[in-house]
Protein backbone atom coordinates (compact mmCIF):
# COMPACT_ATOMS: atom_id res chain seq x y z
CA UNK A 1 -1.74 -4.52 10.75
CA UNK A 2 -0.80 -7.65 8.82
CA UNK A 3 0.03 -5.90 5.71
CA UNK A 4 4.20 -4.76 6.27
CA UNK A 5 6.70 -2.96 3.89
CA UNK A 6 7.49 -4.05 0.48
CA UNK A 7 4.28 -6.38 0.24
CA UNK A 8 2.59 -6.66 -2.86
CA UNK A 9 -1.13 -5.27 -3.00
CA UNK A 10 -3.68 -4.10 -4.79
CA UNK A 11 -6.19 -1.25 -4.48
CA UNK A 12 -9.62 -3.45 -3.81
CA UNK A 13 -12.06 0.57 -3.75
CA UNK A 14 -11.90 4.30 -4.83
CA UNK A 15 -10.60 5.58 -7.12
CA UNK A 16 -7.42 3.85 -7.66
CA UNK A 17 -9.42 0.46 -8.54
CA UNK A 18 -7.95 -1.94 -9.41
CA UNK A 19 -4.64 -0.88 -9.60
CA UNK A 20 -1.72 -2.97 -8.17
CA UNK A 21 1.69 -1.75 -6.16
CA UNK A 22 4.32 -1.92 -3.41
CA UNK A 23 4.02 -0.40 -0.26
CA UNK A 24 6.60 2.02 1.19
CA UNK A 25 5.75 3.26 4.44
CA UNK A 26 3.24 1.90 7.00
CA UNK A 27 1.69 3.96 8.61
CA UNK A 28 0.28 2.14 11.72
CA UNK A 29 -1.30 4.75 14.41
CA UNK A 30 -3.30 6.19 11.04
CA UNK A 31 -3.97 2.52 9.87
CA UNK A 32 -3.14 3.66 6.25
CA UNK A 33 -0.28 2.83 3.78
CA UNK A 34 2.33 4.26 1.31
CA UNK A 35 1.96 2.35 -1.90
CA UNK A 36 4.09 3.69 -4.94
CA UNK A 37 1.66 5.31 -7.91
CA UNK A 38 -1.57 5.53 -6.16
CA UNK A 39 -3.67 7.66 -4.79
CA UNK A 40 -1.58 10.67 -6.25
CA UNK A 41 -1.87 14.41 -5.14
CA UNK A 42 -1.21 17.51 -7.15
CA UNK A 43 0.59 19.77 -4.29
CA UNK A 44 1.49 23.46 -5.43
CA UNK A 45 5.14 24.29 -4.64
CA UNK A 46 5.95 28.34 -2.93
CA UNK A 47 8.60 29.88 -5.15
CA UNK A 48 12.07 30.10 -2.68
CA UNK A 49 13.68 32.68 -3.94
CA UNK A 50 12.93 36.45 -5.74
CA UNK A 51 12.42 35.32 -9.66
CA UNK A 52 11.38 31.79 -9.22
CA UNK A 53 8.69 30.38 -10.66
CA UNK A 54 6.16 28.10 -8.14
CA UNK A 55 5.32 24.64 -9.32
CA UNK A 56 3.02 22.40 -9.11
CA UNK A 57 4.22 18.55 -8.16
CA UNK A 58 2.36 15.42 -7.64
CA UNK A 59 3.10 14.08 -4.19
CA UNK A 60 1.75 10.21 -3.00
CA UNK A 61 -0.41 10.38 -0.80
CA UNK A 62 -1.20 7.76 2.43
CA UNK A 63 -4.51 5.64 1.33
CA UNK A 64 -7.01 3.75 4.39
CA UNK A 65 -5.23 0.32 4.72
CA UNK A 66 -8.80 -1.35 4.80
CA UNK A 67 -9.01 0.12 1.56
CA UNK A 68 -6.12 -2.58 0.15
CA UNK A 69 -5.88 -6.07 -0.51
CA UNK A 70 -2.54 -8.62 -0.52
CA UNK A 71 -1.73 -9.95 -3.60
CA UNK A 72 -1.62 -13.77 -3.66
CA UNK A 73 1.83 -15.42 -5.46
CA UNK A 74 -0.01 -17.69 -7.24
CA UNK A 75 -2.90 -16.61 -8.13
CA UNK A 76 -2.03 -13.08 -8.54
CA UNK A 77 -5.48 -11.84 -7.02
CA UNK A 78 -6.52 -10.49 -4.21
CA UNK A 79 -6.45 -12.27 -0.70
CA UNK A 80 -7.12 -12.11 2.61
CA UNK A 81 -4.73 -12.65 5.47
CA UNK A 82 -4.37 -15.03 8.51
CA UNK A 83 -1.72 -16.17 11.17
CA UNK A 84 -0.55 -19.87 11.89
CA UNK A 85 1.87 -20.76 14.49
CA UNK A 86 4.88 -22.72 12.22
CA UNK A 87 7.55 -24.30 13.99
CA UNK A 88 7.19 -21.30 17.24
CA UNK A 89 6.61 -18.94 14.92
CA UNK A 90 3.90 -16.79 13.61
CA UNK A 91 3.46 -16.64 9.64
CA UNK A 92 1.21 -14.90 7.42
CA UNK A 93 -1.08 -17.47 5.36
CA UNK A 94 -2.66 -15.93 2.41
CA UNK A 95 -5.96 -17.02 3.04
CA UNK A 96 -6.51 -17.93 -1.16
CA UNK A 97 -3.94 -20.65 -1.27
CA UNK A 98 -2.30 -21.32 1.93
CA UNK A 99 1.51 -20.62 1.10
CA UNK A 100 3.18 -18.40 3.77
CA UNK A 101 4.20 -15.20 2.84
């Protein structure tokens, strides 16, 4: 997976198409990522004590990694990512601008 925590990404498909955010958690086994403020779902919380009311809260749900694209630092638009060897290290490179990430 070419996405990492704290990467700035843009959603390219789905109900949140066009929104941007930063990755808070990467789930490589499922191929999903958690992004702040993206793919929010309403979750019903049961009352824990008698007399207390239940609640409806919003929870951040994972989104498929193929539905997001890394934001290029130069143009601010989505870009594909490749890897190159620079000084003996593997580095992620933005396809549009050629900048290292």
